[in-house]
Amino acid sequence: MPKPSPVEFVIAKPTPPGWWKQNRHIVMLVVGLLVGSWLVSGHDSTATPSRTNQDHPSRRCRNQGVSKRSDAT
């Protein structure tokens, strides 16, 4: 009976890369562009108005009234 020949090399095709491995650079690019545009936009649509100086009068206006020294005498 003839001896079977030993297999020295097996040629096999590697498994193709999955969807994530093929497209992850594109996904990261799109996510980076979206986050960058969101940060640059400044959130104008949801901005709340800032306080005005009407709530806090300036020093010049506060010091124009009666001083404490004249009240004490």
Protein backbone atom coordinates (compact mmCIF):
# COMPACT_ATOMS: atom_id res chain seq x y z
CA MET A 1 0.00 0.00 0.00
CA PRO A 2 1.45 3.35 -0.97
CA LYS A 3 2.22 5.81 1.78
CA PRO A 4 0.20 9.06 1.66
CA SER A 5 2.32 12.05 0.84
CA PRO A 6 2.68 14.55 3.69
CA VAL A 7 1.13 17.92 3.12
CA GLU A 8 3.80 20.57 3.49
CA PHE A 9 1.91 23.73 2.63
CA VAL A 10 -1.77 24.51 2.76
CA ILE A 11 -2.87 27.48 0.72
CA ALA A 12 -5.95 29.04 2.17
CA LYS A 13 -7.52 32.39 1.56
CA PRO A 14 -7.74 34.58 4.64
CA THR A 15 -11.16 35.59 5.80
CA PRO A 16 -12.18 38.94 4.40
CA PRO A 17 -12.21 41.81 6.90
CA GLY A 18 -15.52 42.65 8.49
CA TRP A 19 -17.57 45.75 7.83
CA TRP A 20 -16.12 47.68 10.79
CA LYS A 21 -12.52 46.97 9.81
CA GLN A 22 -13.16 48.10 6.24
CA ASN A 23 -15.09 51.27 7.08
CA ARG A 24 -13.93 52.43 10.51
CA HIS A 25 -11.79 55.27 9.14
CA ILE A 26 -14.80 56.64 7.26
CA VAL A 27 -17.02 56.37 10.34
CA MET A 28 -14.43 58.15 12.51
CA LEU A 29 -14.04 60.88 9.88
CA VAL A 30 -17.78 61.54 9.77
CA VAL A 31 -18.07 61.50 13.59
CA GLY A 32 -15.13 63.90 13.88
CA LEU A 33 -16.61 66.29 11.34
CA LEU A 34 -20.00 66.24 13.09
CA VAL A 35 -18.50 66.87 16.53
CA GLY A 36 -16.24 69.61 15.14
CA SER A 37 -19.09 71.42 13.45
CA TRP A 38 -21.20 71.08 16.61
CA LEU A 39 -18.44 72.64 18.72
CA VAL A 40 -17.75 75.43 16.22
CA SER A 41 -21.40 76.36 15.84
CA GLY A 42 -21.52 77.60 19.42
CA HIS A 43 -24.94 76.13 20.17
CA ASP A 44 -26.69 79.29 18.91
CA SER A 45 -30.10 77.67 18.79
CA THR A 46 -30.15 76.76 22.49
CA ALA A 47 -28.30 79.76 23.92
CA THR A 48 -29.88 81.51 26.88
CA PRO A 49 -29.63 85.28 27.07
CA SER A 50 -26.96 86.60 29.38
CA ARG A 51 -27.72 88.85 32.32
CA THR A 52 -27.60 92.55 31.70
CA ASN A 53 -26.09 95.19 33.95
CA GLN A 54 -29.56 96.25 35.07
CA ASP A 55 -29.46 93.59 37.79
CA HIS A 56 -26.13 94.88 39.10
CA PRO A 57 -25.71 98.67 38.95
CA SER A 58 -22.21 100.02 38.54
CA ARG A 59 -20.21 101.43 41.47
CA ARG A 60 -20.65 104.96 40.27
CA CYS A 61 -24.44 104.68 40.60
CA ARG A 62 -24.32 103.00 44.03
CA ASN A 63 -21.95 105.58 45.53
CA GLN A 64 -24.07 108.54 44.53
CA GLY A 65 -26.47 107.98 47.42
CA VAL A 66 -26.06 109.05 51.05
CA SER A 67 -22.81 107.88 52.61
CA LYS A 68 -22.69 105.93 55.87
CA ARG A 69 -20.67 108.67 57.62
CA SER A 70 -23.42 111.24 57.30
CA ASP A 71 -25.97 108.74 58.67
CA ALA A 72 -23.83 108.01 61.77
CA THR A 73 -23.54 111.67 62.90
